[in-house]
């Protein structure tokens, strides 16, 4: 526990705020990637390529939806802080689902999109952030559980 001028901050609180920063960063990256997909869509439509439009629309929807979900999780964690482990379980689950979806889209393909062969820097940055978020979320689940047990014993 850190004490700064009569305000105590637990290590779990600091880690929670680090997680919140990572969540916002990941959401922003998803919005940037969605914007890039939209630019690609406009370019394809401009030159008359119709075959890629549905794929681009699905990808944009996934990226925007992912960003919105992460922002919702951000608000949820800000409200509950370290009183519930459920938002941290959800962060880990959402991150795992998005990583698996990404891996599937690069290997076996996913419906409507098929197999993507391009691996972007933002894609990799987001996956690294999501792996870190999974680790932090698991840590916080156990930290909250431990704090709840301590409260019950008192």
N, C-alpha and C. Protein backbone atom coordinates (compact mmCIF):
# COMPACT_ATOMS: atom_id res chain seq x y z
N UNK A 1 0.84 -1.17 0.00
CA UNK A 1 0.00 0.00 0.00
C UNK A 1 0.89 1.24 0.00
N UNK A 2 0.55 2.19 -0.85
CA UNK A 2 1.30 3.44 -0.96
C UNK A 2 0.49 4.53 -0.24
N UNK A 3 1.17 5.33 0.58
CA UNK A 3 0.51 6.43 1.27
C UNK A 3 1.11 7.74 0.80
N UNK A 4 0.27 8.59 0.22
CA UNK A 4 0.71 9.90 -0.25
C UNK A 4 -0.18 10.94 0.42
N UNK A 5 0.42 11.73 1.29
CA UNK A 5 -0.27 12.78 2.05
C UNK A 5 -1.66 12.34 2.54
N UNK A 6 -1.65 11.33 3.37
CA UNK A 6 -2.85 10.80 4.02
C UNK A 6 -3.84 10.10 3.09
N UNK A 7 -3.47 9.84 1.85
CA UNK A 7 -4.31 9.09 0.93
C UNK A 7 -3.61 7.78 0.64
N UNK A 8 -4.26 6.68 0.97
CA UNK A 8 -3.62 5.39 0.73
C UNK A 8 -4.15 4.79 -0.57
N UNK A 9 -3.23 4.24 -1.32
CA UNK A 9 -3.57 3.63 -2.60
C UNK A 9 -3.00 2.21 -2.59
N UNK A 10 -3.88 1.23 -2.77
CA UNK A 10 -3.41 -0.16 -2.79
C UNK A 10 -2.79 -0.48 -4.15
N UNK A 11 -1.96 -1.51 -4.17
CA UNK A 11 -1.36 -1.92 -5.44
C UNK A 11 -2.44 -2.41 -6.41
N UNK A 12 -3.51 -3.01 -5.87
CA UNK A 12 -4.61 -3.45 -6.74
C UNK A 12 -5.29 -2.26 -7.40
N UNK A 13 -5.41 -1.14 -6.68
CA UNK A 13 -6.02 0.06 -7.28
C UNK A 13 -5.15 0.60 -8.41
N UNK A 14 -3.86 0.62 -8.19
CA UNK A 14 -2.94 1.09 -9.23
C UNK A 14 -3.05 0.19 -10.46
N UNK A 15 -3.07 -1.11 -10.23
CA UNK A 15 -3.19 -2.06 -11.34
C UNK A 15 -4.53 -1.90 -12.05
N UNK A 16 -5.59 -1.62 -11.29
CA UNK A 16 -6.90 -1.39 -11.90
C UNK A 16 -6.84 -0.19 -12.84
N UNK A 17 -6.18 0.90 -12.41
CA UNK A 17 -6.08 2.08 -13.26
C UNK A 17 -5.20 1.82 -14.49
N UNK A 18 -4.21 0.99 -14.35
CA UNK A 18 -3.41 0.59 -15.52
C UNK A 18 -4.29 -0.16 -16.49
N UNK A 19 -5.12 -1.08 -15.97
CA UNK A 19 -6.06 -1.81 -16.83
C UNK A 19 -7.01 -0.84 -17.54
N UNK A 20 -7.51 0.14 -16.82
CA UNK A 20 -8.41 1.12 -17.43
C UNK A 20 -7.72 1.86 -18.58
N UNK A 21 -6.46 2.22 -18.39
CA UNK A 21 -5.71 2.90 -19.46
C UNK A 21 -5.55 1.98 -20.67
N UNK A 22 -5.29 0.71 -20.42
CA UNK A 22 -5.14 -0.25 -21.52
C UNK A 22 -6.47 -0.45 -22.25
N UNK A 23 -7.57 -0.47 -21.49
CA UNK A 23 -8.89 -0.63 -22.11
C UNK A 23 -9.19 0.54 -23.04
N UNK A 24 -8.94 1.75 -22.58
CA UNK A 24 -9.19 2.93 -23.43
C UNK A 24 -8.27 2.90 -24.65
N UNK A 25 -7.01 2.54 -24.46
CA UNK A 25 -6.07 2.46 -25.58
C UNK A 25 -6.55 1.46 -26.62
N UNK A 26 -7.01 0.31 -26.15
CA UNK A 26 -7.49 -0.72 -27.06
C UNK A 26 -8.73 -0.25 -27.81
N UNK A 27 -9.65 0.41 -27.11
CA UNK A 27 -10.85 0.93 -27.76
C UNK A 27 -10.48 1.95 -28.84
N UNK A 28 -9.56 2.84 -28.53
CA UNK A 28 -9.12 3.85 -29.50
C UNK A 28 -8.52 3.19 -30.73
N UNK A 29 -7.70 2.17 -30.52
CA UNK A 29 -7.11 1.46 -31.66
C UNK A 29 -8.20 0.82 -32.52
N UNK A 30 -9.20 0.22 -31.87
CA UNK A 30 -10.30 -0.37 -32.65
C UNK A 30 -11.02 0.69 -33.48
N UNK A 31 -11.23 1.87 -32.92
CA UNK A 31 -11.89 2.94 -33.67
C UNK A 31 -11.01 3.42 -34.83
N UNK A 32 -9.70 3.48 -34.62
CA UNK A 32 -8.78 3.88 -35.70
C UNK A 32 -8.81 2.85 -36.83
N UNK A 33 -8.78 1.56 -36.47
CA UNK A 33 -8.81 0.51 -37.49
C UNK A 33 -10.15 0.55 -38.24
N UNK A 34 -11.26 0.80 -37.53
CA UNK A 34 -12.56 0.92 -38.20
C UNK A 34 -12.55 2.07 -39.19
N UNK A 35 -11.92 3.16 -38.81
CA UNK A 35 -11.81 4.32 -39.70
C UNK A 35 -11.00 3.96 -40.95
N UNK A 36 -9.92 3.21 -40.77
CA UNK A 36 -9.11 2.77 -41.91
C UNK A 36 -9.92 1.86 -42.83
N UNK A 37 -10.72 0.97 -42.23
CA UNK A 37 -11.57 0.07 -43.03
C UNK A 37 -12.59 0.89 -43.82
N UNK A 38 -13.13 1.93 -43.20
CA UNK A 38 -14.09 2.79 -43.88
C UNK A 38 -13.42 3.50 -45.07
N UNK A 39 -12.21 3.97 -44.87
CA UNK A 39 -11.47 4.60 -45.97
C UNK A 39 -11.25 3.62 -47.11
N UNK A 40 -10.89 2.38 -46.75
CA UNK A 40 -10.71 1.33 -47.76
C UNK A 40 -12.02 1.08 -48.52
N UNK A 41 -13.12 1.02 -47.77
CA UNK A 41 -14.43 0.79 -48.38
C UNK A 41 -14.75 1.89 -49.40
N UNK A 42 -14.53 3.13 -49.01
CA UNK A 42 -14.80 4.24 -49.93
C UNK A 42 -13.92 4.15 -51.17
N UNK A 43 -12.67 3.77 -50.97
CA UNK A 43 -11.75 3.61 -52.10
C UNK A 43 -12.23 2.52 -53.05
N UNK A 44 -12.66 1.38 -52.48
CA UNK A 44 -13.16 0.28 -53.32
C UNK A 44 -14.40 0.70 -54.10
N UNK A 45 -15.30 1.40 -53.43
CA UNK A 45 -16.52 1.84 -54.10
C UNK A 45 -16.21 2.86 -55.20
N UNK A 46 -15.21 3.69 -54.96
CA UNK A 46 -14.82 4.71 -55.92
C UNK A 46 -14.32 4.10 -57.23
N UNK A 47 -13.57 3.01 -57.13
CA UNK A 47 -13.02 2.37 -58.33
C UNK A 47 -13.91 1.24 -58.85
N UNK A 48 -15.05 1.03 -58.18
CA UNK A 48 -16.02 0.06 -58.68
C UNK A 48 -15.83 -1.36 -58.21
N UNK A 49 -15.05 -1.59 -57.16
CA UNK A 49 -14.88 -2.94 -56.62
C UNK A 49 -16.02 -3.20 -55.65
N UNK A 50 -16.91 -4.11 -56.01
CA UNK A 50 -18.08 -4.40 -55.18
C UNK A 50 -17.89 -5.61 -54.27
N UNK A 51 -17.01 -6.53 -54.65
CA UNK A 51 -16.85 -7.79 -53.93
C UNK A 51 -16.36 -7.65 -52.50
N UNK A 52 -15.67 -6.59 -52.20
CA UNK A 52 -15.08 -6.41 -50.87
C UNK A 52 -15.96 -5.61 -49.93
N UNK A 53 -17.06 -5.05 -50.42
CA UNK A 53 -17.84 -4.13 -49.58
C UNK A 53 -18.47 -4.81 -48.38
N UNK A 54 -19.02 -6.00 -48.56
CA UNK A 54 -19.64 -6.70 -47.43
C UNK A 54 -18.59 -7.05 -46.37
N UNK A 55 -17.44 -7.51 -46.82
CA UNK A 55 -16.34 -7.84 -45.90
C UNK A 55 -15.93 -6.60 -45.09
N UNK A 56 -15.77 -5.49 -45.77
CA UNK A 56 -15.37 -4.24 -45.09
C UNK A 56 -16.43 -3.79 -44.09
N UNK A 57 -17.70 -3.93 -44.46
CA UNK A 57 -18.78 -3.54 -43.56
C UNK A 57 -18.81 -4.42 -42.31
N UNK A 58 -18.58 -5.70 -42.48
CA UNK A 58 -18.54 -6.62 -41.34
C UNK A 58 -17.36 -6.28 -40.43
N UNK A 59 -16.21 -6.03 -41.03
CA UNK A 59 -15.02 -5.69 -40.24
C UNK A 59 -15.22 -4.38 -39.49
N UNK A 60 -15.78 -3.36 -40.17
CA UNK A 60 -16.03 -2.08 -39.50
C UNK A 60 -16.98 -2.26 -38.32
N UNK A 61 -18.02 -3.05 -38.52
CA UNK A 61 -18.99 -3.30 -37.45
C UNK A 61 -18.32 -3.99 -36.27
N UNK A 62 -17.48 -4.98 -36.55
CA UNK A 62 -16.77 -5.69 -35.48
C UNK A 62 -15.85 -4.74 -34.72
N UNK A 63 -15.11 -3.91 -35.44
CA UNK A 63 -14.15 -3.02 -34.78
C UNK A 63 -14.87 -1.93 -33.96
N UNK A 64 -15.91 -1.35 -34.54
CA UNK A 64 -16.66 -0.32 -33.80
C UNK A 64 -17.34 -0.95 -32.59
N UNK A 65 -17.94 -2.12 -32.79
CA UNK A 65 -18.60 -2.82 -31.68
C UNK A 65 -17.62 -3.16 -30.57
N UNK A 66 -16.44 -3.62 -30.94
CA UNK A 66 -15.41 -3.96 -29.95
C UNK A 66 -14.99 -2.73 -29.16
N UNK A 67 -14.79 -1.62 -29.85
CA UNK A 67 -14.43 -0.38 -29.17
C UNK A 67 -15.51 0.08 -28.20
N UNK A 68 -16.76 -0.02 -28.63
CA UNK A 68 -17.87 0.37 -27.76
C UNK A 68 -17.97 -0.54 -26.54
N UNK A 69 -17.79 -1.85 -26.75
CA UNK A 69 -17.83 -2.79 -25.63
C UNK A 69 -16.73 -2.47 -24.63
N UNK A 70 -15.54 -2.20 -25.13
CA UNK A 70 -14.44 -1.86 -24.22
C UNK A 70 -14.72 -0.56 -23.45
N UNK A 71 -15.32 0.42 -24.11
CA UNK A 71 -15.66 1.66 -23.41
C UNK A 71 -16.72 1.40 -22.34
N UNK A 72 -17.66 0.52 -22.64
CA UNK A 72 -18.66 0.13 -21.65
C UNK A 72 -18.01 -0.56 -20.45
N UNK A 73 -17.05 -1.42 -20.71
CA UNK A 73 -16.32 -2.09 -19.63
C UNK A 73 -15.52 -1.08 -18.81
N UNK A 74 -14.97 -0.08 -19.48
CA UNK A 74 -14.24 0.99 -18.80
C UNK A 74 -15.15 1.68 -17.77
N UNK A 75 -16.34 2.06 -18.21
CA UNK A 75 -17.29 2.74 -17.33
C UNK A 75 -17.71 1.82 -16.18
N UNK A 76 -17.96 0.56 -16.49
CA UNK A 76 -18.38 -0.42 -15.48
C UNK A 76 -17.31 -0.55 -14.39
N UNK A 77 -16.06 -0.66 -14.81
CA UNK A 77 -14.97 -0.81 -13.84
C UNK A 77 -14.81 0.48 -13.03
N UNK A 78 -14.95 1.62 -13.68
CA UNK A 78 -14.87 2.89 -12.95
C UNK A 78 -15.94 2.97 -11.86
N UNK A 79 -17.12 2.44 -12.14
CA UNK A 79 -18.21 2.48 -11.17
C UNK A 79 -18.02 1.46 -10.05
N UNK A 80 -17.60 0.25 -10.40
CA UNK A 80 -17.51 -0.81 -9.38
C UNK A 80 -16.17 -0.85 -8.68
N UNK A 81 -15.15 -0.29 -9.33
CA UNK A 81 -13.78 -0.32 -8.80
C UNK A 81 -13.39 -1.76 -8.45
N UNK A 82 -13.03 -1.99 -7.20
CA UNK A 82 -12.57 -3.33 -6.78
C UNK A 82 -13.61 -4.03 -5.90
N UNK A 83 -14.88 -3.69 -6.08
CA UNK A 83 -15.93 -4.30 -5.27
C UNK A 83 -16.52 -5.56 -5.90
N UNK A 84 -16.24 -5.78 -7.18
CA UNK A 84 -16.79 -6.95 -7.87
C UNK A 84 -15.74 -7.49 -8.84
N UNK A 85 -15.71 -8.81 -8.93
CA UNK A 85 -14.76 -9.43 -9.86
C UNK A 85 -15.37 -9.64 -11.25
N UNK A 86 -16.68 -9.48 -11.36
CA UNK A 86 -17.37 -9.77 -12.62
C UNK A 86 -16.87 -8.92 -13.79
N UNK A 87 -16.67 -7.60 -13.64
CA UNK A 87 -16.19 -6.86 -14.82
C UNK A 87 -14.82 -7.32 -15.31
N UNK A 88 -13.99 -7.80 -14.41
CA UNK A 88 -12.66 -8.26 -14.79
C UNK A 88 -12.74 -9.60 -15.53
N UNK A 89 -13.69 -10.43 -15.11
CA UNK A 89 -13.94 -11.69 -15.82
C UNK A 89 -14.42 -11.39 -17.23
N UNK A 90 -15.32 -10.39 -17.35
CA UNK A 90 -15.85 -10.02 -18.66
C UNK A 90 -14.75 -9.44 -19.56
N UNK A 91 -13.88 -8.60 -19.01
CA UNK A 91 -12.77 -8.04 -19.79
C UNK A 91 -11.91 -9.18 -20.34
N UNK A 92 -11.57 -10.13 -19.48
CA UNK A 92 -10.75 -11.26 -19.92
C UNK A 92 -11.47 -12.07 -21.00
N UNK A 93 -12.76 -12.34 -20.79
CA UNK A 93 -13.52 -13.15 -21.75
C UNK A 93 -13.64 -12.45 -23.10
N UNK A 94 -13.96 -11.16 -23.09
CA UNK A 94 -14.07 -10.39 -24.34
C UNK A 94 -12.73 -10.39 -25.07
N UNK A 95 -11.65 -10.18 -24.33
CA UNK A 95 -10.32 -10.14 -24.94
C UNK A 95 -9.96 -11.50 -25.55
N UNK A 96 -10.28 -12.57 -24.84
CA UNK A 96 -10.00 -13.92 -25.38
C UNK A 96 -10.80 -14.15 -26.66
N UNK A 97 -12.07 -13.78 -26.64
CA UNK A 97 -12.92 -13.97 -27.83
C UNK A 97 -12.36 -13.18 -29.01
N UNK A 98 -11.93 -11.95 -28.78
CA UNK A 98 -11.40 -11.14 -29.88
C UNK A 98 -10.06 -11.68 -30.40
N UNK A 99 -9.24 -12.20 -29.50
CA UNK A 99 -7.96 -12.80 -29.94
C UNK A 99 -8.22 -14.06 -30.76
N UNK A 100 -9.14 -14.90 -30.29
CA UNK A 100 -9.47 -16.14 -31.02
C UNK A 100 -10.08 -15.81 -32.38
N UNK A 101 -10.96 -14.82 -32.41
CA UNK A 101 -11.56 -14.41 -33.69
C UNK A 101 -10.49 -13.92 -34.65
N UNK A 102 -9.55 -13.13 -34.14
CA UNK A 102 -8.45 -12.64 -34.97
C UNK A 102 -7.61 -13.79 -35.50
N UNK A 103 -7.25 -14.72 -34.62
CA UNK A 103 -6.44 -15.87 -35.04
C UNK A 103 -7.19 -16.70 -36.08
N UNK A 104 -8.48 -16.90 -35.87
CA UNK A 104 -9.28 -17.66 -36.83
C UNK A 104 -9.34 -16.95 -38.17
N UNK A 105 -9.46 -15.64 -38.15
CA UNK A 105 -9.55 -14.88 -39.41
C UNK A 105 -8.24 -14.93 -40.19
N UNK A 106 -7.16 -15.23 -39.52
CA UNK A 106 -5.86 -15.30 -40.19
C UNK A 106 -5.46 -16.73 -40.54
N UNK A 107 -6.23 -17.71 -40.11
CA UNK A 107 -5.86 -19.11 -40.37
C UNK A 107 -6.96 -19.87 -41.09
N UNK A 108 -8.06 -20.15 -40.41
CA UNK A 108 -9.12 -20.97 -41.01
C UNK A 108 -10.21 -20.15 -41.67
N UNK A 109 -10.25 -18.86 -41.39
CA UNK A 109 -11.27 -17.99 -41.96
C UNK A 109 -12.50 -17.90 -41.07
N UNK A 110 -13.23 -16.83 -41.22
CA UNK A 110 -14.48 -16.63 -40.49
C UNK A 110 -15.57 -16.31 -41.49
N UNK A 111 -16.82 -16.65 -41.15
CA UNK A 111 -17.92 -16.40 -42.10
C UNK A 111 -17.98 -14.93 -42.52
N UNK A 112 -18.36 -14.71 -43.74
CA UNK A 112 -18.52 -13.40 -44.38
C UNK A 112 -17.20 -12.69 -44.70
N UNK A 113 -16.14 -13.03 -44.00
CA UNK A 113 -14.87 -12.34 -44.21
C UNK A 113 -13.87 -13.26 -44.91
N UNK A 114 -13.88 -14.53 -44.57
CA UNK A 114 -12.92 -15.47 -45.13
C UNK A 114 -11.60 -15.38 -44.40
N UNK A 115 -10.52 -15.69 -45.11
CA UNK A 115 -9.19 -15.64 -44.52
C UNK A 115 -8.54 -14.32 -44.88
N UNK A 116 -8.07 -13.61 -43.88
CA UNK A 116 -7.33 -12.36 -44.07
C UNK A 116 -5.85 -12.71 -44.03
N UNK A 117 -5.08 -12.17 -44.96
CA UNK A 117 -3.66 -12.46 -44.98
C UNK A 117 -2.81 -11.31 -44.44
N UNK A 118 -3.41 -10.15 -44.33
CA UNK A 118 -2.70 -8.96 -43.87
C UNK A 118 -2.69 -8.91 -42.34
N UNK A 119 -1.51 -8.73 -41.76
CA UNK A 119 -1.38 -8.56 -40.32
C UNK A 119 -0.78 -7.17 -40.11
N UNK A 120 -1.60 -6.26 -39.59
CA UNK A 120 -1.16 -4.88 -39.42
C UNK A 120 -0.50 -4.63 -38.09
N UNK A 121 0.24 -3.53 -38.03
CA UNK A 121 0.90 -3.14 -36.78
C UNK A 121 -0.12 -2.84 -35.69
N UNK A 122 -1.21 -2.16 -36.06
CA UNK A 122 -2.25 -1.87 -35.07
C UNK A 122 -2.93 -3.14 -34.58
N UNK A 123 -3.10 -4.10 -35.50
CA UNK A 123 -3.68 -5.40 -35.12
C UNK A 123 -2.82 -6.07 -34.05
N UNK A 124 -1.52 -6.09 -34.31
CA UNK A 124 -0.61 -6.75 -33.36
C UNK A 124 -0.55 -5.98 -32.04
N UNK A 125 -0.52 -4.66 -32.12
CA UNK A 125 -0.50 -3.85 -30.89
C UNK A 125 -1.74 -4.14 -30.05
N UNK A 126 -2.89 -4.23 -30.71
CA UNK A 126 -4.13 -4.51 -29.98
C UNK A 126 -4.12 -5.90 -29.35
N UNK A 127 -3.60 -6.87 -30.07
CA UNK A 127 -3.57 -8.23 -29.52
C UNK A 127 -2.62 -8.29 -28.31
N UNK A 128 -1.50 -7.60 -28.39
CA UNK A 128 -0.57 -7.56 -27.25
C UNK A 128 -1.25 -6.89 -26.06
N UNK A 129 -1.94 -5.77 -26.29
CA UNK A 129 -2.66 -5.09 -25.22
C UNK A 129 -3.73 -6.01 -24.62
N UNK A 130 -4.42 -6.74 -25.48
CA UNK A 130 -5.47 -7.64 -24.98
C UNK A 130 -4.89 -8.79 -24.15
N UNK A 131 -3.75 -9.31 -24.54
CA UNK A 131 -3.11 -10.35 -23.73
C UNK A 131 -2.72 -9.79 -22.36
N UNK A 132 -2.17 -8.60 -22.34
CA UNK A 132 -1.81 -7.96 -21.07
C UNK A 132 -3.07 -7.72 -20.24
N UNK A 133 -4.15 -7.28 -20.90
CA UNK A 133 -5.41 -7.04 -20.18
C UNK A 133 -5.96 -8.34 -19.58
N UNK A 134 -5.80 -9.44 -20.27
CA UNK A 134 -6.24 -10.73 -19.73
C UNK A 134 -5.46 -11.05 -18.45
N UNK A 135 -4.14 -10.90 -18.51
CA UNK A 135 -3.32 -11.17 -17.34
C UNK A 135 -3.68 -10.28 -16.16
N UNK A 136 -3.84 -8.99 -16.41
CA UNK A 136 -4.20 -8.06 -15.34
C UNK A 136 -5.58 -8.38 -14.79
N UNK A 137 -6.51 -8.69 -15.67
CA UNK A 137 -7.87 -9.01 -15.24
C UNK A 137 -7.89 -10.25 -14.34
N UNK A 138 -7.15 -11.27 -14.72
CA UNK A 138 -7.07 -12.48 -13.90
C UNK A 138 -6.48 -12.14 -12.53
N UNK A 139 -5.43 -11.34 -12.53
CA UNK A 139 -4.83 -10.91 -11.25
C UNK A 139 -5.87 -10.20 -10.39
N UNK A 140 -6.63 -9.27 -11.01
CA UNK A 140 -7.61 -8.49 -10.25
C UNK A 140 -8.78 -9.35 -9.77
N UNK A 141 -9.15 -10.37 -10.53
CA UNK A 141 -10.20 -11.30 -10.06
C UNK A 141 -9.76 -11.92 -8.74
N UNK A 142 -8.52 -12.38 -8.69
CA UNK A 142 -8.03 -13.00 -7.45
C UNK A 142 -7.84 -11.97 -6.34
N UNK A 143 -7.43 -10.75 -6.68
CA UNK A 143 -7.26 -9.71 -5.68
C UNK A 143 -8.61 -9.33 -5.07
N UNK A 144 -9.64 -9.20 -5.90
CA UNK A 144 -10.97 -8.87 -5.40
C UNK A 144 -11.51 -10.02 -4.56
N UNK A 145 -11.31 -11.22 -5.03
CA UNK A 145 -11.76 -12.41 -4.27
C UNK A 145 -11.09 -12.46 -2.90
N UNK A 146 -9.81 -12.20 -2.87
CA UNK A 146 -9.06 -12.19 -1.61
C UNK A 146 -9.59 -11.11 -0.66
N UNK A 147 -9.86 -9.92 -1.23
CA UNK A 147 -10.39 -8.82 -0.40
C UNK A 147 -11.78 -9.16 0.12
N UNK A 148 -12.58 -9.83 -0.70
CA UNK A 148 -13.94 -10.23 -0.27
C UNK A 148 -13.87 -11.25 0.87
N UNK A 149 -12.93 -12.16 0.77
CA UNK A 149 -12.75 -13.17 1.83
C UNK A 149 -12.32 -12.49 3.12
N UNK A 150 -11.40 -11.53 3.02
CA UNK A 150 -10.96 -10.79 4.21
C UNK A 150 -12.14 -10.06 4.87
N UNK A 151 -13.00 -9.44 4.05
CA UNK A 151 -14.16 -8.72 4.56
C UNK A 151 -15.12 -9.67 5.27
N UNK A 152 -15.29 -10.87 4.73
CA UNK A 152 -16.19 -11.85 5.30
C UNK A 152 -15.69 -12.32 6.65
N UNK A 153 -14.39 -12.47 6.78
CA UNK A 153 -13.79 -12.95 8.03
C UNK A 153 -13.93 -11.91 9.14
N UNK A 154 -13.88 -10.63 8.80
CA UNK A 154 -13.99 -9.57 9.82
C UNK A 154 -15.27 -9.55 10.51
